[in-house]
Amino acid sequence: MKVLYTRISSVDQKTDRQRVTEKDFDMVIEDKCSGSIPFFEREGGREVLKYTDAGVLTSLSVWEIDRLGRNLRDILNTIHFFTEKKITIYFVNQGLKTIDEMGKENSISKLIISILGIVGEMERNQLKERQKAGIQLAKLRNVYKGRKPGSNENILEFLKKPQNQKVLDYLKKGYRCKEAAVLANVHFNTVTKIKRLGFQNNQN
């Protein structure tokens, strides 16, 4: 099944430009939400995942990369998720496919995704540097408290967090750790911790 995915940020916007080729698709799925919301946390994104899980989705088309999302990490994770499933994402306006006709990752797409990844890494490093500088400044002003003694959460509190519950659900459904990390929008290391603690807790 060929799906066209469209997204607008507010109800007064229109998707006409994104739908110029909609007659070529079996279905159009539309989201009205901010691009900062992770793809699989959107109503339309969950619908796309439903067809993916059912094994009927063959390709996903999006007008432009920013319709997929505004967060670089989420965009890259989403593209990687569908590439692992051998499902092509076609960015209509850029004329870019993530998987070629031979079923292999498109080299041009891979280059662009790599560039986006570098930019995303730079942004994350800049954020870490700002956080580090903020902590150092707070320490100089004697206002930095750090973690309060005894504030470490126990295993049950950690696992009961809504985001972590999502990860556990995906793992129980048979998703791999990398896939669960993408779907729940958490770091891979968090997933491995949840898997270790979650299944350990079930045995106790």
N, C-alpha and C. Protein backbone atom coordinates (compact mmCIF):
# COMPACT_ATOMS: atom_id res chain seq x y z
N MET A 1 0.84 -1.19 0.00
CA MET A 1 0.00 0.00 0.00
C MET A 1 0.88 1.25 0.00
N LYS A 2 0.60 2.15 -0.90
CA LYS A 2 1.34 3.41 -1.01
C LYS A 2 0.58 4.51 -0.25
N VAL A 3 1.26 5.11 0.73
CA VAL A 3 0.62 6.12 1.58
C VAL A 3 1.29 7.48 1.39
N LEU A 4 0.47 8.51 1.28
CA LEU A 4 0.96 9.89 1.26
C LEU A 4 0.70 10.48 2.63
N TYR A 5 1.77 10.96 3.27
CA TYR A 5 1.64 11.57 4.60
C TYR A 5 1.78 13.07 4.49
N THR A 6 0.83 13.80 5.07
CA THR A 6 0.89 15.26 5.08
C THR A 6 0.81 15.76 6.51
N ARG A 7 1.39 16.93 6.74
CA ARG A 7 1.34 17.53 8.08
C ARG A 7 1.26 19.03 7.99
N ILE A 8 0.36 19.62 8.78
CA ILE A 8 0.30 21.07 8.95
C ILE A 8 0.35 21.36 10.44
N SER A 9 0.81 22.56 10.78
CA SER A 9 1.00 22.89 12.19
C SER A 9 -0.23 23.47 12.85
N SER A 10 -1.15 24.05 12.09
CA SER A 10 -2.35 24.65 12.66
C SER A 10 -3.55 24.37 11.77
N VAL A 11 -4.74 24.48 12.35
CA VAL A 11 -5.97 24.12 11.65
C VAL A 11 -6.30 25.06 10.50
N ASP A 12 -5.77 26.29 10.53
CA ASP A 12 -6.08 27.24 9.47
C ASP A 12 -5.16 27.08 8.25
N GLN A 13 -4.16 26.19 8.35
CA GLN A 13 -3.29 25.91 7.22
C GLN A 13 -3.94 24.87 6.31
N LYS A 14 -3.49 24.83 5.07
CA LYS A 14 -4.03 23.88 4.11
C LYS A 14 -2.93 22.95 3.60
N THR A 15 -3.35 21.76 3.17
CA THR A 15 -2.40 20.77 2.68
C THR A 15 -2.45 20.62 1.16
N ASP A 16 -3.09 21.59 0.47
CA ASP A 16 -3.25 21.49 -0.98
C ASP A 16 -1.93 21.24 -1.70
N ARG A 17 -0.90 22.00 -1.33
CA ARG A 17 0.40 21.87 -1.98
C ARG A 17 1.00 20.48 -1.76
N GLN A 18 0.76 19.92 -0.58
CA GLN A 18 1.30 18.60 -0.27
C GLN A 18 0.52 17.47 -0.95
N ARG A 19 -0.69 17.80 -1.43
CA ARG A 19 -1.57 16.77 -1.98
C ARG A 19 -1.63 16.78 -3.51
N VAL A 20 -0.71 17.46 -4.16
CA VAL A 20 -0.79 17.61 -5.62
C VAL A 20 -0.72 16.27 -6.35
N THR A 21 -0.14 15.27 -5.72
CA THR A 21 -0.02 13.96 -6.38
C THR A 21 -0.85 12.89 -5.66
N GLU A 22 -1.84 13.30 -4.87
CA GLU A 22 -2.55 12.34 -4.02
C GLU A 22 -3.28 11.25 -4.81
N LYS A 23 -3.62 11.52 -6.06
CA LYS A 23 -4.31 10.50 -6.88
C LYS A 23 -3.43 9.28 -7.13
N ASP A 24 -2.13 9.42 -6.92
CA ASP A 24 -1.20 8.32 -7.17
C ASP A 24 -1.07 7.38 -5.97
N PHE A 25 -1.82 7.66 -4.89
CA PHE A 25 -1.65 6.90 -3.65
C PHE A 25 -2.93 6.17 -3.25
N ASP A 26 -2.75 5.12 -2.48
CA ASP A 26 -3.89 4.34 -1.99
C ASP A 26 -4.57 5.03 -0.83
N MET A 27 -3.80 5.84 -0.09
CA MET A 27 -4.35 6.50 1.09
C MET A 27 -3.56 7.76 1.42
N VAL A 28 -4.26 8.77 1.95
CA VAL A 28 -3.62 9.98 2.45
C VAL A 28 -3.85 10.04 3.95
N ILE A 29 -2.78 10.17 4.71
CA ILE A 29 -2.86 10.30 6.17
C ILE A 29 -2.38 11.69 6.54
N GLU A 30 -3.18 12.41 7.29
CA GLU A 30 -2.87 13.81 7.60
C GLU A 30 -2.75 14.03 9.10
N ASP A 31 -1.77 14.81 9.49
CA ASP A 31 -1.60 15.24 10.88
C ASP A 31 -1.72 16.75 10.96
N LYS A 32 -2.33 17.24 12.03
CA LYS A 32 -2.38 18.66 12.33
C LYS A 32 -1.72 18.85 13.68
N CYS A 33 -0.42 19.04 13.65
CA CYS A 33 0.34 19.14 14.90
C CYS A 33 1.70 19.76 14.62
N SER A 34 2.37 20.12 15.69
CA SER A 34 3.71 20.68 15.57
C SER A 34 4.69 19.62 15.08
N GLY A 35 5.65 20.05 14.26
CA GLY A 35 6.68 19.13 13.77
C GLY A 35 7.65 18.71 14.85
N SER A 36 7.59 19.36 16.03
CA SER A 36 8.47 18.98 17.13
C SER A 36 8.00 17.72 17.83
N ILE A 37 6.73 17.34 17.60
CA ILE A 37 6.20 16.11 18.20
C ILE A 37 6.78 14.91 17.46
N PRO A 38 7.38 13.97 18.16
CA PRO A 38 7.96 12.79 17.50
C PRO A 38 6.95 12.11 16.58
N PHE A 39 7.41 11.61 15.46
CA PHE A 39 6.53 11.07 14.42
C PHE A 39 5.56 10.02 14.94
N PHE A 40 6.05 9.07 15.71
CA PHE A 40 5.21 7.97 16.15
C PHE A 40 4.34 8.33 17.36
N GLU A 41 4.43 9.56 17.84
CA GLU A 41 3.54 10.03 18.89
C GLU A 41 2.37 10.84 18.32
N ARG A 42 2.38 11.06 17.02
CA ARG A 42 1.29 11.77 16.35
C ARG A 42 0.19 10.77 15.99
N GLU A 43 -1.02 11.29 15.88
CA GLU A 43 -2.14 10.41 15.52
C GLU A 43 -1.91 9.77 14.16
N GLY A 44 -1.50 10.58 13.18
CA GLY A 44 -1.23 10.05 11.85
C GLY A 44 -0.04 9.11 11.84
N GLY A 45 0.99 9.44 12.63
CA GLY A 45 2.17 8.59 12.71
C GLY A 45 1.83 7.22 13.26
N ARG A 46 0.94 7.19 14.27
CA ARG A 46 0.50 5.90 14.83
C ARG A 46 -0.30 5.10 13.81
N GLU A 47 -1.06 5.82 12.96
CA GLU A 47 -1.82 5.13 11.92
C GLU A 47 -0.87 4.51 10.89
N VAL A 48 0.19 5.25 10.54
CA VAL A 48 1.20 4.72 9.62
C VAL A 48 1.84 3.47 10.22
N LEU A 49 2.14 3.53 11.52
CA LEU A 49 2.75 2.39 12.21
C LEU A 49 1.82 1.18 12.19
N LYS A 50 0.51 1.42 12.31
CA LYS A 50 -0.47 0.33 12.29
C LYS A 50 -0.39 -0.45 10.97
N TYR A 51 -0.29 0.28 9.86
CA TYR A 51 -0.20 -0.38 8.56
C TYR A 51 1.17 -1.03 8.36
N THR A 52 2.19 -0.46 9.01
CA THR A 52 3.53 -1.07 8.97
C THR A 52 3.51 -2.40 9.69
N ASP A 53 2.92 -2.42 10.88
CA ASP A 53 2.85 -3.65 11.67
C ASP A 53 2.03 -4.72 10.95
N ALA A 54 1.03 -4.27 10.20
CA ALA A 54 0.18 -5.22 9.47
C ALA A 54 0.87 -5.77 8.23
N GLY A 55 2.01 -5.17 7.86
CA GLY A 55 2.78 -5.65 6.72
C GLY A 55 2.21 -5.24 5.38
N VAL A 56 1.37 -4.20 5.36
CA VAL A 56 0.75 -3.79 4.09
C VAL A 56 1.35 -2.51 3.53
N LEU A 57 2.10 -1.78 4.33
CA LEU A 57 2.71 -0.53 3.86
C LEU A 57 3.95 -0.84 3.02
N THR A 58 3.96 -0.35 1.78
CA THR A 58 5.10 -0.59 0.89
C THR A 58 5.94 0.67 0.69
N SER A 59 5.31 1.84 0.78
CA SER A 59 6.06 3.10 0.64
C SER A 59 5.33 4.23 1.34
N LEU A 60 6.10 5.20 1.79
CA LEU A 60 5.55 6.38 2.46
C LEU A 60 6.10 7.62 1.76
N SER A 61 5.21 8.46 1.27
CA SER A 61 5.63 9.68 0.58
C SER A 61 5.30 10.90 1.43
N VAL A 62 6.22 11.85 1.44
CA VAL A 62 6.08 13.09 2.21
C VAL A 62 6.51 14.23 1.29
N TRP A 63 5.84 15.37 1.37
CA TRP A 63 6.14 16.48 0.46
C TRP A 63 7.58 16.94 0.63
N GLU A 64 7.99 17.21 1.88
CA GLU A 64 9.35 17.64 2.17
C GLU A 64 9.81 17.03 3.48
N ILE A 65 11.11 17.04 3.71
CA ILE A 65 11.67 16.44 4.92
C ILE A 65 11.09 17.07 6.18
N ASP A 66 10.86 18.39 6.19
CA ASP A 66 10.37 19.03 7.41
C ASP A 66 8.94 18.64 7.75
N ARG A 67 8.20 18.03 6.78
CA ARG A 67 6.85 17.53 7.08
C ARG A 67 6.94 16.29 7.95
N LEU A 68 8.06 15.58 7.83
CA LEU A 68 8.29 14.40 8.66
C LEU A 68 8.57 14.81 10.09
N GLY A 69 9.22 15.97 10.26
CA GLY A 69 9.49 16.47 11.60
C GLY A 69 10.42 17.65 11.59
N ARG A 70 10.52 18.32 12.74
CA ARG A 70 11.42 19.45 12.90
C ARG A 70 12.63 19.11 13.74
N ASN A 71 12.53 17.99 14.43
CA ASN A 71 13.63 17.55 15.27
C ASN A 71 14.53 16.61 14.47
N LEU A 72 15.79 16.99 14.28
CA LEU A 72 16.69 16.23 13.43
C LEU A 72 16.87 14.79 13.89
N ARG A 73 16.99 14.61 15.19
CA ARG A 73 17.18 13.26 15.70
C ARG A 73 15.97 12.39 15.37
N ASP A 74 14.77 12.95 15.56
CA ASP A 74 13.55 12.18 15.28
C ASP A 74 13.43 11.86 13.80
N ILE A 75 13.78 12.84 12.94
CA ILE A 75 13.74 12.60 11.50
C ILE A 75 14.66 11.45 11.12
N LEU A 76 15.89 11.49 11.62
CA LEU A 76 16.87 10.45 11.29
C LEU A 76 16.43 9.10 11.83
N ASN A 77 15.89 9.08 13.04
CA ASN A 77 15.44 7.82 13.63
C ASN A 77 14.26 7.24 12.85
N THR A 78 13.35 8.13 12.43
CA THR A 78 12.17 7.68 11.68
C THR A 78 12.59 7.10 10.33
N ILE A 79 13.49 7.80 9.64
CA ILE A 79 13.99 7.30 8.35
C ILE A 79 14.68 5.96 8.54
N HIS A 80 15.49 5.85 9.59
CA HIS A 80 16.21 4.60 9.85
C HIS A 80 15.23 3.47 10.13
N PHE A 81 14.18 3.76 10.89
CA PHE A 81 13.17 2.75 11.23
C PHE A 81 12.55 2.15 9.97
N PHE A 82 12.14 3.02 9.03
CA PHE A 82 11.49 2.53 7.81
C PHE A 82 12.50 1.86 6.88
N THR A 83 13.74 2.34 6.87
CA THR A 83 14.78 1.71 6.06
C THR A 83 15.03 0.29 6.53
N GLU A 84 15.06 0.09 7.85
CA GLU A 84 15.24 -1.25 8.41
C GLU A 84 14.10 -2.17 8.00
N LYS A 85 12.91 -1.61 7.82
CA LYS A 85 11.73 -2.38 7.42
C LYS A 85 11.64 -2.54 5.90
N LYS A 86 12.64 -2.00 5.19
CA LYS A 86 12.65 -2.03 3.72
C LYS A 86 11.46 -1.28 3.12
N ILE A 87 11.03 -0.24 3.80
CA ILE A 87 9.93 0.60 3.32
C ILE A 87 10.51 1.93 2.84
N THR A 88 10.26 2.26 1.59
CA THR A 88 10.81 3.48 0.99
C THR A 88 10.07 4.72 1.46
N ILE A 89 10.84 5.75 1.82
CA ILE A 89 10.26 7.07 2.05
C ILE A 89 10.65 7.93 0.85
N TYR A 90 9.65 8.54 0.25
CA TYR A 90 9.88 9.39 -0.93
C TYR A 90 9.55 10.83 -0.58
N PHE A 91 10.55 11.71 -0.65
CA PHE A 91 10.34 13.13 -0.41
C PHE A 91 10.05 13.78 -1.76
N VAL A 92 8.78 14.06 -1.99
CA VAL A 92 8.28 14.44 -3.32
C VAL A 92 8.98 15.68 -3.87
N ASN A 93 9.00 16.76 -3.11
CA ASN A 93 9.54 18.03 -3.61
C ASN A 93 11.03 17.96 -3.88
N GLN A 94 11.75 17.17 -3.08
CA GLN A 94 13.20 17.02 -3.29
C GLN A 94 13.52 15.92 -4.30
N GLY A 95 12.51 15.12 -4.69
CA GLY A 95 12.75 14.02 -5.61
C GLY A 95 13.71 13.00 -5.04
N LEU A 96 13.60 12.72 -3.75
CA LEU A 96 14.58 11.89 -3.05
C LEU A 96 13.92 10.65 -2.47
N LYS A 97 14.49 9.48 -2.75
CA LYS A 97 14.02 8.22 -2.19
C LYS A 97 15.08 7.64 -1.26
N THR A 98 14.62 7.11 -0.14
CA THR A 98 15.57 6.54 0.82
C THR A 98 16.06 5.16 0.39
N ILE A 99 15.26 4.45 -0.40
CA ILE A 99 15.63 3.12 -0.89
C ILE A 99 15.46 3.09 -2.41
N ASP A 100 16.45 2.57 -3.12
CA ASP A 100 16.37 2.55 -4.58
C ASP A 100 15.56 1.35 -5.08
N GLU A 101 15.45 1.24 -6.41
CA GLU A 101 14.64 0.18 -7.03
C GLU A 101 15.18 -1.22 -6.75
N MET A 102 16.45 -1.30 -6.38
CA MET A 102 17.07 -2.58 -6.08
C MET A 102 16.89 -2.98 -4.61
N GLY A 103 16.19 -2.12 -3.85
CA GLY A 103 15.95 -2.41 -2.45
C GLY A 103 17.09 -2.04 -1.53
N LYS A 104 18.04 -1.26 -2.06
CA LYS A 104 19.19 -0.83 -1.26
C LYS A 104 19.04 0.63 -0.86
N GLU A 105 19.71 1.01 0.24
CA GLU A 105 19.66 2.39 0.70
C GLU A 105 20.24 3.30 -0.36
N ASN A 106 19.51 4.34 -0.72
CA ASN A 106 19.93 5.29 -1.75
C ASN A 106 21.15 6.06 -1.28
N SER A 107 22.22 6.07 -2.09
CA SER A 107 23.48 6.70 -1.69
C SER A 107 23.33 8.20 -1.50
N ILE A 108 22.54 8.85 -2.36
CA ILE A 108 22.32 10.30 -2.24
C ILE A 108 21.55 10.59 -0.95
N SER A 109 20.53 9.78 -0.72
CA SER A 109 19.76 9.92 0.52
C SER A 109 20.65 9.73 1.73
N LYS A 110 21.52 8.71 1.65
CA LYS A 110 22.42 8.43 2.77
C LYS A 110 23.33 9.61 3.06
N LEU A 111 23.80 10.28 1.99
CA LEU A 111 24.66 11.44 2.14
C LEU A 111 23.92 12.57 2.85
N ILE A 112 22.70 12.84 2.39
CA ILE A 112 21.91 13.92 2.99
C ILE A 112 21.59 13.61 4.44
N ILE A 113 21.22 12.35 4.71
CA ILE A 113 20.91 11.95 6.08
C ILE A 113 22.16 12.09 6.96
N SER A 114 23.31 11.77 6.41
CA SER A 114 24.56 11.91 7.16
C SER A 114 24.83 13.37 7.50
N ILE A 115 24.57 14.26 6.54
CA ILE A 115 24.76 15.69 6.78
C ILE A 115 23.83 16.17 7.88
N LEU A 116 22.56 15.72 7.81
CA LEU A 116 21.60 16.08 8.85
C LEU A 116 22.05 15.55 10.21
N GLY A 117 22.62 14.35 10.18
CA GLY A 117 23.11 13.77 11.43
C GLY A 117 24.24 14.58 12.04
N ILE A 118 25.14 15.07 11.19
CA ILE A 118 26.26 15.90 11.66
C ILE A 118 25.74 17.19 12.27
N VAL A 119 24.78 17.81 11.56
CA VAL A 119 24.19 19.06 12.08
C VAL A 119 23.52 18.80 13.42
N GLY A 120 22.77 17.69 13.50
CA GLY A 120 22.11 17.35 14.75
C GLY A 120 23.09 17.13 15.88
N GLU A 121 24.21 16.46 15.56
CA GLU A 121 25.23 16.21 16.57
C GLU A 121 25.85 17.52 17.05
N MET A 122 26.06 18.45 16.14
CA MET A 122 26.59 19.76 16.50
C MET A 122 25.64 20.49 17.43
N GLU A 123 24.35 20.41 17.12
CA GLU A 123 23.35 21.07 17.96
C GLU A 123 23.34 20.46 19.36
N ARG A 124 23.41 19.13 19.42
CA ARG A 124 23.41 18.47 20.73
C ARG A 124 24.66 18.81 21.53
N ASN A 125 25.82 18.88 20.84
CA ASN A 125 27.06 19.25 21.53
C ASN A 125 27.01 20.68 22.05
N GLN A 126 26.42 21.58 21.24
CA GLN A 126 26.28 22.96 21.67
C GLN A 126 25.38 23.06 22.90
N LEU A 127 24.31 22.26 22.90
CA LEU A 127 23.40 22.25 24.05
C LEU A 127 24.11 21.76 25.30
N LYS A 128 24.91 20.68 25.14
CA LYS A 128 25.66 20.15 26.28
C LYS A 128 26.66 21.18 26.81
N GLU A 129 27.31 21.90 25.88
CA GLU A 129 28.27 22.92 26.29
C GLU A 129 27.59 24.05 27.06
N ARG A 130 26.40 24.44 26.59
CA ARG A 130 25.65 25.50 27.28
C ARG A 130 25.22 25.03 28.67
N GLN A 131 24.79 23.76 28.77
CA GLN A 131 24.39 23.22 30.06
C GLN A 131 25.58 23.16 31.01
N LYS A 132 26.72 22.72 30.46
CA LYS A 132 27.93 22.63 31.27
C LYS A 132 28.36 24.01 31.76
N ALA A 133 28.29 25.00 30.86
CA ALA A 133 28.67 26.37 31.23
C ALA A 133 27.70 26.92 32.27
N GLY A 134 26.41 26.57 32.14
CA GLY A 134 25.41 27.03 33.10
C GLY A 134 25.65 26.47 34.48
N ILE A 135 26.03 25.18 34.55
CA ILE A 135 26.32 24.54 35.83
C ILE A 135 27.55 25.15 36.47
N GLN A 136 28.59 25.40 35.66
CA GLN A 136 29.81 26.01 36.19
C GLN A 136 29.54 27.40 36.74
N LEU A 137 28.70 28.15 36.01
CA LEU A 137 28.35 29.50 36.46
C LEU A 137 27.55 29.43 37.76
N ALA A 138 26.63 28.46 37.84
CA ALA A 138 25.82 28.30 39.06
C ALA A 138 26.69 27.92 40.24
N LYS A 139 27.71 27.09 39.99
CA LYS A 139 28.62 26.69 41.07
C LYS A 139 29.43 27.89 41.56
N LEU A 140 29.87 28.75 40.63
CA LEU A 140 30.62 29.94 41.01
C LEU A 140 29.77 30.88 41.85
N ARG A 141 28.46 30.88 41.58
CA ARG A 141 27.53 31.74 42.32
C ARG A 141 26.98 31.05 43.55
N ASN A 142 27.44 29.82 43.79
CA ASN A 142 27.00 29.01 44.94
C ASN A 142 25.50 28.76 44.96
N VAL A 143 24.91 28.58 43.77
CA VAL A 143 23.47 28.31 43.70
C VAL A 143 23.19 26.93 43.10
N TYR A 144 24.26 26.21 42.76
CA TYR A 144 24.07 24.87 42.18
C TYR A 144 24.00 23.85 43.30
N LYS A 145 22.90 23.12 43.36
CA LYS A 145 22.69 22.15 44.44
C LYS A 145 23.02 20.72 44.03
N GLY A 146 22.92 20.44 42.72
CA GLY A 146 23.12 19.06 42.27
C GLY A 146 21.95 18.19 42.66
N ARG A 147 22.10 16.91 42.54
CA ARG A 147 21.03 15.98 42.92
C ARG A 147 20.91 15.89 44.43
N LYS A 148 19.67 15.95 44.92
CA LYS A 148 19.43 15.87 46.36
C LYS A 148 19.70 14.44 46.84
N PRO A 149 20.28 14.32 48.05
CA PRO A 149 20.53 12.98 48.60
C PRO A 149 19.23 12.18 48.69
N GLY A 150 19.29 10.92 48.28
CA GLY A 150 18.11 10.07 48.36
C GLY A 150 17.09 10.31 47.28
N SER A 151 17.44 11.12 46.25
CA SER A 151 16.47 11.44 45.20
C SER A 151 16.45 10.42 44.07
N ASN A 152 17.34 9.43 44.13
CA ASN A 152 17.33 8.41 43.09
C ASN A 152 16.02 7.63 43.13
N GLU A 153 15.35 7.51 42.00
CA GLU A 153 14.09 6.81 41.94
C GLU A 153 14.32 5.30 41.96
N ASN A 154 13.38 4.57 42.54
CA ASN A 154 13.52 3.12 42.56
C ASN A 154 13.09 2.53 41.23
N ILE A 155 13.27 1.22 41.10
CA ILE A 155 13.01 0.55 39.83
C ILE A 155 11.56 0.71 39.40
N LEU A 156 10.62 0.50 40.32
CA LEU A 156 9.21 0.57 39.97
C LEU A 156 8.80 1.96 39.50
N GLU A 157 9.31 2.99 40.16
CA GLU A 157 9.00 4.37 39.75
C GLU A 157 9.54 4.64 38.36
N PHE A 158 10.74 4.14 38.09
CA PHE A 158 11.36 4.32 36.78
C PHE A 158 10.55 3.64 35.69
N LEU A 159 10.13 2.40 35.95
CA LEU A 159 9.40 1.63 34.94
C LEU A 159 7.96 2.12 34.74
N LYS A 160 7.41 2.80 35.75
CA LYS A 160 6.02 3.26 35.66
C LYS A 160 5.88 4.57 34.87
N LYS A 161 7.00 5.19 34.52
CA LYS A 161 6.93 6.42 33.73
C LYS A 161 6.25 6.10 32.39
N PRO A 162 5.33 6.97 31.94
CA PRO A 162 4.57 6.70 30.70
C PRO A 162 5.45 6.35 29.51
N GLN A 163 6.55 7.10 29.33
CA GLN A 163 7.43 6.85 28.19
C GLN A 163 8.10 5.48 28.30
N ASN A 164 8.46 5.13 29.54
CA ASN A 164 9.11 3.85 29.75
C ASN A 164 8.13 2.69 29.62
N GLN A 165 6.87 2.94 29.97
CA GLN A 165 5.83 1.94 29.77
C GLN A 165 5.64 1.64 28.29
N LYS A 166 5.74 2.69 27.46
CA LYS A 166 5.64 2.51 26.01
C LYS A 166 6.75 1.59 25.51
N VAL A 167 7.96 1.84 26.02
CA VAL A 167 9.11 1.02 25.61
C VAL A 167 8.86 -0.44 25.97
N LEU A 168 8.40 -0.69 27.19
CA LEU A 168 8.13 -2.06 27.62
C LEU A 168 7.09 -2.73 26.73
N ASP A 169 6.05 -1.98 26.36
CA ASP A 169 4.99 -2.52 25.50
C ASP A 169 5.56 -2.93 24.14
N TYR A 170 6.42 -2.04 23.58
CA TYR A 170 7.02 -2.36 22.27
C TYR A 170 7.93 -3.57 22.36
N LEU A 171 8.70 -3.68 23.45
CA LEU A 171 9.59 -4.82 23.62
C LEU A 171 8.80 -6.12 23.75
N LYS A 172 7.67 -6.06 24.48
CA LYS A 172 6.84 -7.25 24.66
C LYS A 172 6.18 -7.68 23.35
N LYS A 173 5.99 -6.70 22.43
CA LYS A 173 5.40 -7.01 21.14
C LYS A 173 6.42 -7.58 20.15
N GLY A 174 7.68 -7.62 20.60
CA GLY A 174 8.71 -8.23 19.77
C GLY A 174 9.60 -7.26 19.02
N TYR A 175 9.43 -5.95 19.26
CA TYR A 175 10.29 -4.97 18.60
C TYR A 175 11.70 -5.06 19.17
N ARG A 176 12.69 -4.81 18.32
CA ARG A 176 14.07 -4.77 18.78
C ARG A 176 14.31 -3.48 19.56
N CYS A 177 15.40 -3.45 20.30
CA CYS A 177 15.70 -2.28 21.14
C CYS A 177 15.81 -1.00 20.32
N LYS A 178 16.47 -1.08 19.16
CA LYS A 178 16.61 0.10 18.31
C LYS A 178 15.25 0.61 17.84
N GLU A 179 14.38 -0.33 17.47
CA GLU A 179 13.04 0.05 16.99
C GLU A 179 12.22 0.65 18.12
N ALA A 180 12.29 0.06 19.30
CA ALA A 180 11.56 0.57 20.46
C ALA A 180 12.03 1.98 20.82
N ALA A 181 13.33 2.22 20.69
CA ALA A 181 13.88 3.55 20.99
C ALA A 181 13.31 4.59 20.03
N VAL A 182 13.19 4.24 18.75
CA VAL A 182 12.64 5.16 17.76
C VAL A 182 11.17 5.42 18.04
N LEU A 183 10.41 4.35 18.25
CA LEU A 183 8.96 4.46 18.42
C LEU A 183 8.59 5.24 19.68
N ALA A 184 9.36 5.06 20.74
CA ALA A 184 9.06 5.74 22.01
C ALA A 184 9.83 7.05 22.16
N ASN A 185 10.72 7.32 21.19
CA ASN A 185 11.52 8.55 21.20
C ASN A 185 12.37 8.68 22.47
N VAL A 186 13.10 7.62 22.77
CA VAL A 186 14.02 7.64 23.91
C VAL A 186 15.38 7.17 23.41
N HIS A 187 16.41 7.40 24.22
CA HIS A 187 17.75 6.98 23.85
C HIS A 187 17.86 5.46 23.91
N PHE A 188 18.69 4.92 23.03
CA PHE A 188 18.89 3.46 22.98
C PHE A 188 19.34 2.91 24.33
N ASN A 189 20.22 3.64 25.04
CA ASN A 189 20.71 3.18 26.33
C ASN A 189 19.58 3.07 27.35
N THR A 190 18.59 3.98 27.22
CA THR A 190 17.43 3.93 28.11
C THR A 190 16.63 2.66 27.87
N VAL A 191 16.50 2.29 26.60
CA VAL A 191 15.75 1.07 26.25
C VAL A 191 16.42 -0.16 26.83
N THR A 192 17.75 -0.24 26.72
CA THR A 192 18.45 -1.40 27.25
C THR A 192 18.31 -1.48 28.77
N LYS A 193 18.29 -0.32 29.42
CA LYS A 193 18.11 -0.29 30.87
C LYS A 193 16.70 -0.75 31.22
N ILE A 194 15.71 -0.27 30.48
CA ILE A 194 14.31 -0.65 30.72
C ILE A 194 14.14 -2.15 30.50
N LYS A 195 14.76 -2.67 29.44
CA LYS A 195 14.66 -4.10 29.14
C LYS A 195 15.26 -4.93 30.28
N ARG A 196 16.42 -4.49 30.74
CA ARG A 196 17.10 -5.23 31.82
C ARG A 196 16.29 -5.19 33.11
N LEU A 197 15.83 -3.99 33.50
CA LEU A 197 15.10 -3.85 34.76
C LEU A 197 13.69 -4.42 34.67
N GLY A 198 13.06 -4.22 33.50
CA GLY A 198 11.68 -4.65 33.32
C GLY A 198 11.55 -6.16 33.40
N PHE A 199 12.35 -6.88 32.65
CA PHE A 199 12.27 -8.33 32.63
C PHE A 199 12.83 -8.93 33.92
N GLN A 200 13.79 -8.21 34.52
CA GLN A 200 14.32 -8.66 35.81
C GLN A 200 13.24 -8.54 36.88
N ASN A 201 12.48 -7.43 36.81
CA ASN A 201 11.44 -7.18 37.79
C ASN A 201 10.31 -8.20 37.66
N ASN A 202 10.02 -8.66 36.42
CA ASN A 202 8.96 -9.62 36.19
C ASN A 202 9.30 -11.00 36.76
N GLN A 203 10.61 -11.27 36.87
CA GLN A 203 11.04 -12.56 37.38
C GLN A 203 11.04 -12.61 38.90
N ASN A 204 11.03 -11.40 39.52
CA ASN A 204 11.08 -11.34 40.99
C ASN A 204 9.70 -11.55 41.60
